Structures are given as structure tokens and as C-alpha cells.
Amino acid sequence: MSNRPAVILEDVEAALQQTGKVMDITPEDLLTIVDLTLDQAEKRQSTFEGKQWIGEIMTVPVITCTPDTTIEEAARILLEKNIHCLPVVDRENKLVGIVTESDLIFQFSAVPVGGTLRQLLGRKKAPRTGHTIGEIMVRKVTTVYPNDPIQKAIRLIIKYGYGRIPVVDGDNRLAGIVARKDILYFLR
């Protein structure tokens, strides 16, 4: 069994970019591409100091709240802990939602009664109002698993602009959280 890392599509694309040309594939060219691809896979793996799985880089324990947490209490937690979101869990630590700084700020940003249709349509999203986190949280949460590859988190962060993604086990219990900073830590 080889010590070479698994090759992913991004490794092949990076290797092809290194050649800087369009090629008619000869056996020699193919060998060059394979070697460059394996080099890219090794570079990617060494970037994370041999870590391949989200569970190896995720942050634990996670600061959370419950659906009954008040908006004021959630804001206090975010400020005191200097964090940007709170996963929302039930009594069994199952993930039921997430609330971000933006969700809380929207509570205080309603368009005045005289607001224009353009102002209403130009908003990123309509605020959900309420007094508890359960009333305003986002219920459909993108998650990853501890045994997912780090590249999966990177793809989701890039594609959707997430700052952090909850990590759950097979029973949807919160196991950790992976943030941009957890990934950037290995790129310094």
C-alpha cells in the first residue's frame, strides 16, 4: 500500500494548470500529468499537516444555545465569547437550527412603514421577528460529518460563503464546528 495521498479533482486541475498548455496526450505527457497530480495531492495533504478529515481540525466544544434562549442572551453570548454564530440544539444535543450575528441584527433593521418596494426587495432576506432564538433561527442547516474530508468543508465555504459549518454525528448530534479559521490555521 502506497503512502501517496488520494487524488481529488482539484489536484488534477492544479497539475494541468502547471503545464500551462493544451496537449495532445502521449504516454510521456500522461506520465508528466500523473506525476504533477500526485505532487499536488502531496502538497495539499502536507498543507494540513497530514490531517485529512474534518474531525481532525474541527473546534470542540461548541458554544450553543437552545430555542428558548432569548435574543438578548444570544447577543450577549456572541459578544462575550467573540464568536459569530450559535448552533441551536435541543435537550439531546441534536442540531435544530443556527443563529448568526446577521440574524440578530435583522431584528433591529426593519424597513420603516414608509419604505419603498425597492428597499424591501433589496434586502438580503426578510427578518424573522420574535423574542427567542427558536422564533428567528435558520432551521435548514448545512452540516458535515467528522469523517468527511476537509476539502468538503472548503468547497461548501467557497460555494456558499459560510464562515462556519456545524459538524454532526449520524444521529444529528452536534460534534463540533469547522470555521474558516480552522482551515486557515494550517495555511499560515
N, C-alpha and C. Protein backbone atom coordinates (compact mmCIF):
# COMPACT_ATOMS: atom_id res chain seq x y z
N MET A 1 0.84 -1.19 0.00
CA MET A 1 0.00 0.00 0.00
C MET A 1 0.88 1.25 0.00
N SER A 2 0.60 2.20 -0.85
CA SER A 2 1.41 3.39 -1.02
C SER A 2 1.11 4.42 0.06
N ASN A 3 2.11 5.26 0.35
CA ASN A 3 1.92 6.38 1.28
C ASN A 3 1.41 7.61 0.56
N ARG A 4 1.21 7.51 -0.74
CA ARG A 4 0.72 8.65 -1.51
C ARG A 4 -0.71 8.96 -1.12
N PRO A 5 -1.07 10.24 -1.06
CA PRO A 5 -2.45 10.60 -0.71
C PRO A 5 -3.41 10.31 -1.86
N ALA A 6 -4.69 10.26 -1.52
CA ALA A 6 -5.72 10.10 -2.54
C ALA A 6 -5.74 11.35 -3.40
N VAL A 7 -5.99 11.17 -4.67
CA VAL A 7 -6.04 12.29 -5.62
C VAL A 7 -7.48 12.75 -5.74
N ILE A 8 -7.68 14.06 -5.72
CA ILE A 8 -9.00 14.63 -5.93
C ILE A 8 -8.98 15.48 -7.20
N LEU A 9 -10.15 15.84 -7.68
CA LEU A 9 -10.27 16.60 -8.92
C LEU A 9 -9.44 17.89 -8.90
N GLU A 10 -9.43 18.57 -7.77
CA GLU A 10 -8.68 19.82 -7.68
C GLU A 10 -7.19 19.61 -7.89
N ASP A 11 -6.66 18.44 -7.49
CA ASP A 11 -5.25 18.14 -7.71
C ASP A 11 -4.95 18.02 -9.20
N VAL A 12 -5.84 17.34 -9.92
CA VAL A 12 -5.66 17.17 -11.37
C VAL A 12 -5.72 18.53 -12.05
N GLU A 13 -6.70 19.36 -11.66
CA GLU A 13 -6.82 20.69 -12.27
C GLU A 13 -5.58 21.53 -12.01
N ALA A 14 -5.06 21.49 -10.78
CA ALA A 14 -3.85 22.25 -10.45
C ALA A 14 -2.65 21.76 -11.26
N ALA A 15 -2.55 20.44 -11.44
CA ALA A 15 -1.45 19.88 -12.22
C ALA A 15 -1.55 20.32 -13.67
N LEU A 16 -2.75 20.30 -14.23
CA LEU A 16 -2.92 20.73 -15.62
C LEU A 16 -2.59 22.21 -15.79
N GLN A 17 -2.94 23.02 -14.80
CA GLN A 17 -2.61 24.44 -14.87
C GLN A 17 -1.10 24.65 -14.85
N GLN A 18 -0.38 23.80 -14.15
CA GLN A 18 1.08 23.93 -14.09
C GLN A 18 1.72 23.71 -15.45
N THR A 19 1.13 22.87 -16.28
CA THR A 19 1.72 22.62 -17.59
C THR A 19 1.58 23.85 -18.47
N GLY A 20 0.51 24.62 -18.26
CA GLY A 20 0.32 25.88 -18.99
C GLY A 20 0.09 25.72 -20.48
N LYS A 21 -0.31 24.54 -20.90
CA LYS A 21 -0.54 24.36 -22.34
C LYS A 21 -1.60 23.30 -22.57
N VAL A 22 -2.17 23.33 -23.77
CA VAL A 22 -3.08 22.30 -24.22
C VAL A 22 -2.21 21.23 -24.88
N MET A 23 -2.47 19.97 -24.58
CA MET A 23 -1.58 18.91 -25.07
C MET A 23 -2.34 17.85 -25.84
N ASP A 24 -1.68 17.31 -26.84
CA ASP A 24 -2.07 16.02 -27.39
C ASP A 24 -1.40 15.04 -26.45
N ILE A 25 -2.15 14.13 -25.90
CA ILE A 25 -1.62 13.25 -24.86
C ILE A 25 -0.80 12.12 -25.47
N THR A 26 0.46 12.11 -25.11
CA THR A 26 1.34 10.99 -25.42
C THR A 26 1.57 10.25 -24.11
N PRO A 27 2.11 9.08 -24.15
CA PRO A 27 2.40 8.40 -22.88
C PRO A 27 3.31 9.23 -21.97
N GLU A 28 4.26 9.93 -22.55
CA GLU A 28 5.15 10.77 -21.75
C GLU A 28 4.38 11.93 -21.11
N ASP A 29 3.50 12.56 -21.91
CA ASP A 29 2.68 13.65 -21.38
C ASP A 29 1.80 13.16 -20.24
N LEU A 30 1.19 12.00 -20.44
CA LEU A 30 0.32 11.45 -19.41
C LEU A 30 1.11 11.19 -18.12
N LEU A 31 2.31 10.67 -18.26
CA LEU A 31 3.16 10.42 -17.10
C LEU A 31 3.48 11.74 -16.38
N THR A 32 3.75 12.77 -17.15
CA THR A 32 4.02 14.09 -16.57
C THR A 32 2.81 14.58 -15.78
N ILE A 33 1.62 14.45 -16.38
CA ILE A 33 0.40 14.90 -15.70
C ILE A 33 0.17 14.09 -14.43
N VAL A 34 0.37 12.78 -14.48
CA VAL A 34 0.19 11.94 -13.30
C VAL A 34 1.16 12.36 -12.20
N ASP A 35 2.43 12.57 -12.55
CA ASP A 35 3.42 12.99 -11.55
C ASP A 35 3.05 14.34 -10.93
N LEU A 36 2.66 15.29 -11.78
CA LEU A 36 2.27 16.61 -11.27
C LEU A 36 1.03 16.51 -10.38
N THR A 37 0.09 15.66 -10.77
CA THR A 37 -1.13 15.48 -9.98
C THR A 37 -0.80 14.91 -8.61
N LEU A 38 0.05 13.90 -8.58
CA LEU A 38 0.44 13.32 -7.29
C LEU A 38 1.20 14.32 -6.44
N ASP A 39 2.02 15.15 -7.07
CA ASP A 39 2.72 16.21 -6.32
C ASP A 39 1.72 17.18 -5.71
N GLN A 40 0.68 17.54 -6.47
CA GLN A 40 -0.35 18.44 -5.95
C GLN A 40 -1.08 17.80 -4.77
N ALA A 41 -1.38 16.52 -4.87
CA ALA A 41 -2.06 15.83 -3.77
C ALA A 41 -1.18 15.83 -2.53
N GLU A 42 0.12 15.61 -2.71
CA GLU A 42 1.04 15.63 -1.56
C GLU A 42 1.11 17.02 -0.94
N LYS A 43 1.17 18.05 -1.79
CA LYS A 43 1.20 19.43 -1.28
C LYS A 43 -0.06 19.73 -0.47
N ARG A 44 -1.21 19.33 -1.02
CA ARG A 44 -2.47 19.56 -0.32
C ARG A 44 -2.47 18.86 1.02
N GLN A 45 -2.04 17.61 1.02
CA GLN A 45 -2.04 16.85 2.27
C GLN A 45 -1.07 17.45 3.27
N SER A 46 0.11 17.85 2.82
CA SER A 46 1.08 18.41 3.76
C SER A 46 0.64 19.77 4.27
N THR A 47 -0.18 20.48 3.48
CA THR A 47 -0.72 21.76 3.94
C THR A 47 -1.46 21.59 5.25
N PHE A 48 -2.17 20.49 5.40
CA PHE A 48 -2.94 20.24 6.61
C PHE A 48 -2.19 19.33 7.58
N GLU A 49 -0.86 19.31 7.44
CA GLU A 49 -0.01 18.55 8.35
C GLU A 49 -0.49 17.12 8.50
N GLY A 50 -0.86 16.51 7.38
CA GLY A 50 -1.29 15.12 7.40
C GLY A 50 -2.74 14.92 7.81
N LYS A 51 -3.42 15.97 8.17
CA LYS A 51 -4.82 15.84 8.57
C LYS A 51 -5.68 15.82 7.32
N GLN A 52 -6.63 14.90 7.28
CA GLN A 52 -7.47 14.76 6.10
C GLN A 52 -8.95 14.94 6.39
N TRP A 53 -9.35 14.78 7.64
CA TRP A 53 -10.76 14.71 7.98
C TRP A 53 -11.18 15.91 8.81
N ILE A 54 -12.42 16.32 8.64
CA ILE A 54 -12.96 17.46 9.37
C ILE A 54 -12.84 17.25 10.87
N GLY A 55 -13.05 16.03 11.33
CA GLY A 55 -12.94 15.75 12.76
C GLY A 55 -11.57 16.04 13.34
N GLU A 56 -10.55 16.09 12.49
CA GLU A 56 -9.19 16.36 12.96
C GLU A 56 -8.91 17.85 13.13
N ILE A 57 -9.74 18.70 12.54
CA ILE A 57 -9.48 20.14 12.63
C ILE A 57 -10.64 20.93 13.26
N MET A 58 -11.78 20.27 13.49
CA MET A 58 -12.96 21.00 14.00
C MET A 58 -12.71 21.51 15.42
N THR A 59 -13.45 22.53 15.79
CA THR A 59 -13.39 23.10 17.13
C THR A 59 -14.38 22.38 18.02
N VAL A 60 -13.91 21.96 19.18
CA VAL A 60 -14.76 21.38 20.22
C VAL A 60 -14.27 21.89 21.57
N PRO A 61 -15.09 22.08 22.54
CA PRO A 61 -16.55 22.03 22.47
C PRO A 61 -17.10 23.26 21.75
N VAL A 62 -18.36 23.18 21.40
CA VAL A 62 -19.03 24.26 20.67
C VAL A 62 -19.94 25.02 21.64
N ILE A 63 -19.88 26.33 21.57
CA ILE A 63 -20.79 27.16 22.36
C ILE A 63 -22.13 27.16 21.62
N THR A 64 -23.19 26.81 22.33
CA THR A 64 -24.50 26.66 21.72
C THR A 64 -25.55 27.43 22.50
N CYS A 65 -26.75 27.40 21.99
CA CYS A 65 -27.92 27.89 22.71
C CYS A 65 -29.08 26.96 22.40
N THR A 66 -30.20 27.21 23.03
CA THR A 66 -31.40 26.41 22.79
C THR A 66 -32.47 27.29 22.13
N PRO A 67 -33.51 26.69 21.61
CA PRO A 67 -34.58 27.50 21.01
C PRO A 67 -35.21 28.48 22.01
N ASP A 68 -35.15 28.18 23.30
CA ASP A 68 -35.74 29.06 24.32
C ASP A 68 -34.85 30.22 24.72
N THR A 69 -33.60 30.23 24.27
CA THR A 69 -32.69 31.33 24.59
C THR A 69 -33.27 32.63 24.04
N THR A 70 -33.21 33.69 24.84
CA THR A 70 -33.71 34.98 24.35
C THR A 70 -32.72 35.59 23.38
N ILE A 71 -33.22 36.47 22.55
CA ILE A 71 -32.37 37.17 21.59
C ILE A 71 -31.30 37.97 22.33
N GLU A 72 -31.68 38.60 23.41
CA GLU A 72 -30.71 39.39 24.19
C GLU A 72 -29.60 38.51 24.76
N GLU A 73 -29.97 37.32 25.26
CA GLU A 73 -28.97 36.41 25.82
C GLU A 73 -28.05 35.90 24.71
N ALA A 74 -28.58 35.58 23.56
CA ALA A 74 -27.76 35.12 22.44
C ALA A 74 -26.77 36.21 22.02
N ALA A 75 -27.23 37.44 21.94
CA ALA A 75 -26.34 38.56 21.59
C ALA A 75 -25.23 38.70 22.63
N ARG A 76 -25.57 38.55 23.90
CA ARG A 76 -24.57 38.64 24.96
C ARG A 76 -23.52 37.54 24.81
N ILE A 77 -23.96 36.32 24.51
CA ILE A 77 -23.03 35.20 24.35
C ILE A 77 -22.09 35.47 23.17
N LEU A 78 -22.64 35.90 22.04
CA LEU A 78 -21.81 36.18 20.87
C LEU A 78 -20.75 37.23 21.19
N LEU A 79 -21.15 38.28 21.90
CA LEU A 79 -20.20 39.34 22.24
C LEU A 79 -19.15 38.87 23.25
N GLU A 80 -19.59 38.22 24.31
CA GLU A 80 -18.66 37.78 25.35
C GLU A 80 -17.67 36.74 24.85
N LYS A 81 -18.12 35.84 24.01
CA LYS A 81 -17.26 34.75 23.52
C LYS A 81 -16.56 35.11 22.22
N ASN A 82 -16.87 36.29 21.66
CA ASN A 82 -16.27 36.76 20.42
C ASN A 82 -16.43 35.71 19.30
N ILE A 83 -17.67 35.26 19.13
CA ILE A 83 -17.99 34.30 18.07
C ILE A 83 -19.06 34.92 17.17
N HIS A 84 -19.33 34.27 16.06
CA HIS A 84 -20.21 34.86 15.04
C HIS A 84 -21.52 34.12 14.84
N CYS A 85 -21.65 32.94 15.42
CA CYS A 85 -22.89 32.20 15.29
C CYS A 85 -23.05 31.27 16.48
N LEU A 86 -24.28 30.83 16.67
CA LEU A 86 -24.59 29.86 17.71
C LEU A 86 -25.40 28.73 17.10
N PRO A 87 -24.86 27.51 17.10
CA PRO A 87 -25.71 26.39 16.74
C PRO A 87 -26.80 26.26 17.81
N VAL A 88 -27.99 25.90 17.39
CA VAL A 88 -29.12 25.76 18.31
C VAL A 88 -29.39 24.27 18.47
N VAL A 89 -29.37 23.80 19.72
CA VAL A 89 -29.53 22.37 20.00
C VAL A 89 -30.71 22.15 20.94
N ASP A 90 -31.25 20.93 20.87
CA ASP A 90 -32.33 20.56 21.79
C ASP A 90 -31.71 19.91 23.03
N ARG A 91 -32.55 19.34 23.89
CA ARG A 91 -32.07 18.75 25.15
C ARG A 91 -31.14 17.56 24.93
N GLU A 92 -31.25 16.92 23.77
CA GLU A 92 -30.41 15.76 23.47
C GLU A 92 -29.18 16.14 22.66
N ASN A 93 -28.88 17.44 22.58
CA ASN A 93 -27.75 17.98 21.82
C ASN A 93 -27.89 17.75 20.31
N LYS A 94 -29.13 17.57 19.84
CA LYS A 94 -29.37 17.45 18.40
C LYS A 94 -29.50 18.85 17.81
N LEU A 95 -28.87 19.03 16.66
CA LEU A 95 -28.90 20.32 15.99
C LEU A 95 -30.29 20.59 15.43
N VAL A 96 -30.89 21.72 15.83
CA VAL A 96 -32.22 22.07 15.33
C VAL A 96 -32.22 23.38 14.55
N GLY A 97 -31.08 24.08 14.56
CA GLY A 97 -31.01 25.35 13.83
C GLY A 97 -29.68 26.03 14.08
N ILE A 98 -29.58 27.25 13.56
CA ILE A 98 -28.40 28.06 13.77
C ILE A 98 -28.83 29.52 13.75
N VAL A 99 -28.15 30.35 14.52
CA VAL A 99 -28.43 31.78 14.51
C VAL A 99 -27.09 32.51 14.39
N THR A 100 -27.06 33.51 13.52
CA THR A 100 -25.84 34.26 13.27
C THR A 100 -25.99 35.69 13.75
N GLU A 101 -24.88 36.40 13.76
CA GLU A 101 -24.93 37.82 14.10
C GLU A 101 -25.93 38.55 13.20
N SER A 102 -25.91 38.22 11.91
CA SER A 102 -26.82 38.88 10.97
C SER A 102 -28.28 38.63 11.33
N ASP A 103 -28.59 37.40 11.75
CA ASP A 103 -29.97 37.10 12.14
C ASP A 103 -30.41 37.99 13.30
N LEU A 104 -29.49 38.23 14.23
CA LEU A 104 -29.82 39.08 15.38
C LEU A 104 -29.93 40.54 14.96
N ILE A 105 -29.02 40.98 14.11
CA ILE A 105 -29.04 42.38 13.67
C ILE A 105 -30.33 42.67 12.90
N PHE A 106 -30.81 41.69 12.10
CA PHE A 106 -32.05 41.89 11.36
C PHE A 106 -33.23 42.17 12.29
N GLN A 107 -33.14 41.76 13.53
CA GLN A 107 -34.23 42.03 14.47
C GLN A 107 -34.43 43.53 14.69
N PHE A 108 -33.38 44.29 14.41
CA PHE A 108 -33.44 45.73 14.67
C PHE A 108 -33.34 46.55 13.39
N SER A 109 -33.61 45.90 12.23
CA SER A 109 -33.39 46.61 10.98
C SER A 109 -34.61 46.64 10.07
N ALA A 110 -35.78 46.60 10.62
CA ALA A 110 -36.99 46.60 9.78
C ALA A 110 -37.06 47.89 8.97
N VAL A 111 -37.53 47.74 7.72
CA VAL A 111 -37.73 48.91 6.86
C VAL A 111 -38.92 49.69 7.42
N PRO A 112 -38.78 51.00 7.59
CA PRO A 112 -39.89 51.78 8.13
C PRO A 112 -41.14 51.63 7.27
N VAL A 113 -42.28 51.93 7.88
CA VAL A 113 -43.56 51.80 7.20
C VAL A 113 -43.55 52.51 5.86
N GLY A 114 -42.86 53.63 5.75
CA GLY A 114 -42.80 54.40 4.50
C GLY A 114 -41.76 53.87 3.54
N GLY A 115 -41.16 52.70 3.80
CA GLY A 115 -40.11 52.15 2.95
C GLY A 115 -40.63 51.83 1.56
N THR A 116 -39.75 51.90 0.59
CA THR A 116 -40.15 51.64 -0.79
C THR A 116 -40.11 50.15 -1.08
N LEU A 117 -40.77 49.76 -2.15
CA LEU A 117 -40.74 48.37 -2.59
C LEU A 117 -39.30 47.96 -2.92
N ARG A 118 -38.54 48.86 -3.51
CA ARG A 118 -37.14 48.57 -3.84
C ARG A 118 -36.35 48.25 -2.56
N GLN A 119 -36.58 49.00 -1.48
CA GLN A 119 -35.89 48.73 -0.21
C GLN A 119 -36.26 47.35 0.31
N LEU A 120 -37.54 47.01 0.21
CA LEU A 120 -37.98 45.71 0.70
C LEU A 120 -37.38 44.57 -0.11
N LEU A 121 -37.36 44.72 -1.45
CA LEU A 121 -36.85 43.66 -2.32
C LEU A 121 -35.33 43.59 -2.31
N GLY A 122 -34.67 44.70 -1.97
CA GLY A 122 -33.22 44.75 -1.98
C GLY A 122 -32.56 44.15 -0.76
N ARG A 123 -33.35 43.76 0.22
CA ARG A 123 -32.78 43.17 1.43
C ARG A 123 -32.26 41.78 1.15
N LYS A 124 -31.23 41.41 1.88
CA LYS A 124 -30.65 40.07 1.72
C LYS A 124 -31.70 39.01 2.05
N LYS A 125 -32.43 39.21 3.11
CA LYS A 125 -33.52 38.30 3.48
C LYS A 125 -34.44 39.06 4.42
N ALA A 126 -35.66 38.63 4.46
CA ALA A 126 -36.62 39.27 5.33
C ALA A 126 -36.35 38.83 6.76
N PRO A 127 -36.38 39.76 7.70
CA PRO A 127 -36.14 39.37 9.08
C PRO A 127 -37.30 38.57 9.65
N ARG A 128 -36.97 37.58 10.42
CA ARG A 128 -37.99 36.88 11.19
C ARG A 128 -37.97 37.56 12.56
N THR A 129 -39.11 37.92 13.04
CA THR A 129 -39.13 38.61 14.32
C THR A 129 -39.56 37.66 15.42
N GLY A 130 -39.14 38.00 16.61
CA GLY A 130 -39.50 37.19 17.76
C GLY A 130 -38.69 37.60 18.98
N HIS A 131 -38.90 36.86 20.05
CA HIS A 131 -38.20 37.14 21.29
C HIS A 131 -37.22 36.03 21.67
N THR A 132 -37.38 34.86 21.04
CA THR A 132 -36.50 33.75 21.35
C THR A 132 -35.78 33.31 20.08
N ILE A 133 -34.69 32.60 20.27
CA ILE A 133 -33.91 32.11 19.14
C ILE A 133 -34.74 31.14 18.31
N GLY A 134 -35.58 30.34 18.93
CA GLY A 134 -36.42 29.41 18.19
C GLY A 134 -37.32 30.09 17.18
N GLU A 135 -37.66 31.35 17.42
CA GLU A 135 -38.54 32.09 16.51
C GLU A 135 -37.78 32.67 15.31
N ILE A 136 -36.47 32.87 15.44
CA ILE A 136 -35.73 33.54 14.36
C ILE A 136 -34.63 32.68 13.73
N MET A 137 -34.32 31.54 14.32
CA MET A 137 -33.19 30.74 13.83
C MET A 137 -33.44 30.20 12.43
N VAL A 138 -32.37 29.89 11.74
CA VAL A 138 -32.44 29.21 10.46
C VAL A 138 -32.55 27.72 10.78
N ARG A 139 -33.59 27.10 10.27
CA ARG A 139 -33.84 25.70 10.60
C ARG A 139 -33.14 24.71 9.65
N LYS A 140 -32.96 25.11 8.42
CA LYS A 140 -32.29 24.25 7.45
C LYS A 140 -30.80 24.60 7.48
N VAL A 141 -30.02 23.72 8.11
CA VAL A 141 -28.60 24.00 8.33
C VAL A 141 -27.75 23.02 7.52
N THR A 142 -26.80 23.55 6.79
CA THR A 142 -25.83 22.71 6.10
C THR A 142 -24.86 22.17 7.14
N THR A 143 -24.64 20.87 7.12
CA THR A 143 -23.74 20.25 8.09
C THR A 143 -22.74 19.34 7.38
N VAL A 144 -21.72 18.98 8.12
CA VAL A 144 -20.74 18.00 7.66
C VAL A 144 -20.54 17.00 8.79
N TYR A 145 -19.85 15.91 8.47
CA TYR A 145 -19.57 14.86 9.46
C TYR A 145 -18.07 14.86 9.79
N PRO A 146 -17.72 14.38 10.97
CA PRO A 146 -16.30 14.35 11.35
C PRO A 146 -15.44 13.56 10.37
N ASN A 147 -16.00 12.53 9.74
CA ASN A 147 -15.20 11.71 8.82
C ASN A 147 -15.29 12.18 7.36
N ASP A 148 -15.87 13.37 7.13
CA ASP A 148 -15.85 13.97 5.80
C ASP A 148 -14.46 14.57 5.56
N PRO A 149 -13.99 14.58 4.30
CA PRO A 149 -12.69 15.20 4.03
C PRO A 149 -12.73 16.71 4.23
N ILE A 150 -11.62 17.28 4.63
CA ILE A 150 -11.51 18.73 4.82
C ILE A 150 -11.93 19.46 3.55
N GLN A 151 -11.62 18.88 2.40
CA GLN A 151 -11.97 19.52 1.12
C GLN A 151 -13.47 19.75 0.99
N LYS A 152 -14.29 18.92 1.60
CA LYS A 152 -15.74 19.12 1.53
C LYS A 152 -16.13 20.42 2.22
N ALA A 153 -15.56 20.67 3.38
CA ALA A 153 -15.83 21.92 4.10
C ALA A 153 -15.35 23.12 3.29
N ILE A 154 -14.17 22.99 2.69
CA ILE A 154 -13.64 24.09 1.88
C ILE A 154 -14.57 24.39 0.71
N ARG A 155 -15.04 23.35 0.03
CA ARG A 155 -15.96 23.56 -1.11
C ARG A 155 -17.25 24.26 -0.67
N LEU A 156 -17.82 23.85 0.48
CA LEU A 156 -19.05 24.48 0.96
C LEU A 156 -18.81 25.94 1.36
N ILE A 157 -17.69 26.19 2.01
CA ILE A 157 -17.36 27.56 2.42
C ILE A 157 -17.20 28.46 1.20
N ILE A 158 -16.52 27.95 0.19
CA ILE A 158 -16.32 28.75 -1.02
C ILE A 158 -17.62 28.92 -1.80
N LYS A 159 -18.37 27.84 -1.97
CA LYS A 159 -19.59 27.89 -2.78
C LYS A 159 -20.67 28.77 -2.15
N TYR A 160 -20.87 28.66 -0.84
CA TYR A 160 -21.97 29.37 -0.20
C TYR A 160 -21.54 30.55 0.67
N GLY A 161 -20.25 30.74 0.85
CA GLY A 161 -19.77 31.86 1.65
C GLY A 161 -19.92 31.66 3.14
N TYR A 162 -20.09 30.42 3.59
CA TYR A 162 -20.23 30.17 5.01
C TYR A 162 -18.96 30.54 5.75
N GLY A 163 -19.12 31.01 6.96
CA GLY A 163 -17.98 31.28 7.82
C GLY A 163 -17.67 30.10 8.71
N ARG A 164 -18.68 29.29 8.94
CA ARG A 164 -18.53 28.11 9.79
C ARG A 164 -19.64 27.13 9.47
N ILE A 165 -19.36 25.84 9.71
CA ILE A 165 -20.33 24.79 9.40
C ILE A 165 -20.38 23.84 10.59
N PRO A 166 -21.57 23.58 11.14
CA PRO A 166 -21.68 22.61 12.24
C PRO A 166 -21.30 21.21 11.78
N VAL A 167 -20.68 20.48 12.69
CA VAL A 167 -20.29 19.09 12.44
C VAL A 167 -21.19 18.22 13.31
N VAL A 168 -21.87 17.27 12.69
CA VAL A 168 -22.81 16.42 13.43
C VAL A 168 -22.43 14.95 13.26
N ASP A 169 -22.94 14.13 14.19
CA ASP A 169 -22.75 12.68 14.05
C ASP A 169 -23.93 12.11 13.28
N GLY A 170 -24.00 10.81 13.17
CA GLY A 170 -25.05 10.16 12.40
C GLY A 170 -26.45 10.36 12.96
N ASP A 171 -26.55 10.74 14.23
CA ASP A 171 -27.84 11.00 14.86
C ASP A 171 -28.17 12.48 14.92
N ASN A 172 -27.43 13.31 14.15
CA ASN A 172 -27.61 14.75 14.10
C ASN A 172 -27.26 15.44 15.43
N ARG A 173 -26.45 14.79 16.26
CA ARG A 173 -25.97 15.42 17.49
C ARG A 173 -24.74 16.26 17.15
N LEU A 174 -24.68 17.44 17.72
CA LEU A 174 -23.57 18.35 17.44
C LEU A 174 -22.26 17.77 17.97
N ALA A 175 -21.28 17.62 17.09
CA ALA A 175 -19.99 17.06 17.48
C ALA A 175 -18.89 18.11 17.50
N GLY A 176 -19.09 19.19 16.75
CA GLY A 176 -18.07 20.24 16.66
C GLY A 176 -18.53 21.28 15.67
N ILE A 177 -17.60 22.16 15.33
CA ILE A 177 -17.87 23.16 14.30
C ILE A 177 -16.56 23.40 13.56
N VAL A 178 -16.65 23.56 12.26
CA VAL A 178 -15.46 23.87 11.47
C VAL A 178 -15.65 25.26 10.89
N ALA A 179 -14.66 26.11 11.16
CA ALA A 179 -14.73 27.50 10.72
C ALA A 179 -13.61 27.79 9.73
N ARG A 180 -13.75 28.89 9.05
CA ARG A 180 -12.69 29.31 8.13
C ARG A 180 -11.35 29.35 8.84
N LYS A 181 -11.35 29.84 10.07
CA LYS A 181 -10.09 29.95 10.82
C LYS A 181 -9.47 28.59 11.09
N ASP A 182 -10.29 27.56 11.25
CA ASP A 182 -9.76 26.21 11.47
C ASP A 182 -8.97 25.74 10.25
N ILE A 183 -9.42 26.13 9.07
CA ILE A 183 -8.73 25.77 7.84
C ILE A 183 -7.52 26.68 7.62
N LEU A 184 -7.71 27.98 7.83
CA LEU A 184 -6.62 28.94 7.63
C LEU A 184 -5.45 28.68 8.59
N TYR A 185 -5.73 28.11 9.74
CA TYR A 185 -4.68 27.82 10.71
C TYR A 185 -3.56 27.00 10.08
N PHE A 186 -3.90 26.12 9.15
CA PHE A 186 -2.92 25.25 8.52
C PHE A 186 -2.24 25.91 7.32
N LEU A 187 -2.70 27.08 6.92
CA LEU A 187 -2.13 27.75 5.75
C LEU A 187 -1.17 28.86 6.12
N ARG A 188 -0.94 29.07 7.39
CA ARG A 188 -0.06 30.18 7.81
C ARG A 188 1.39 29.89 7.58
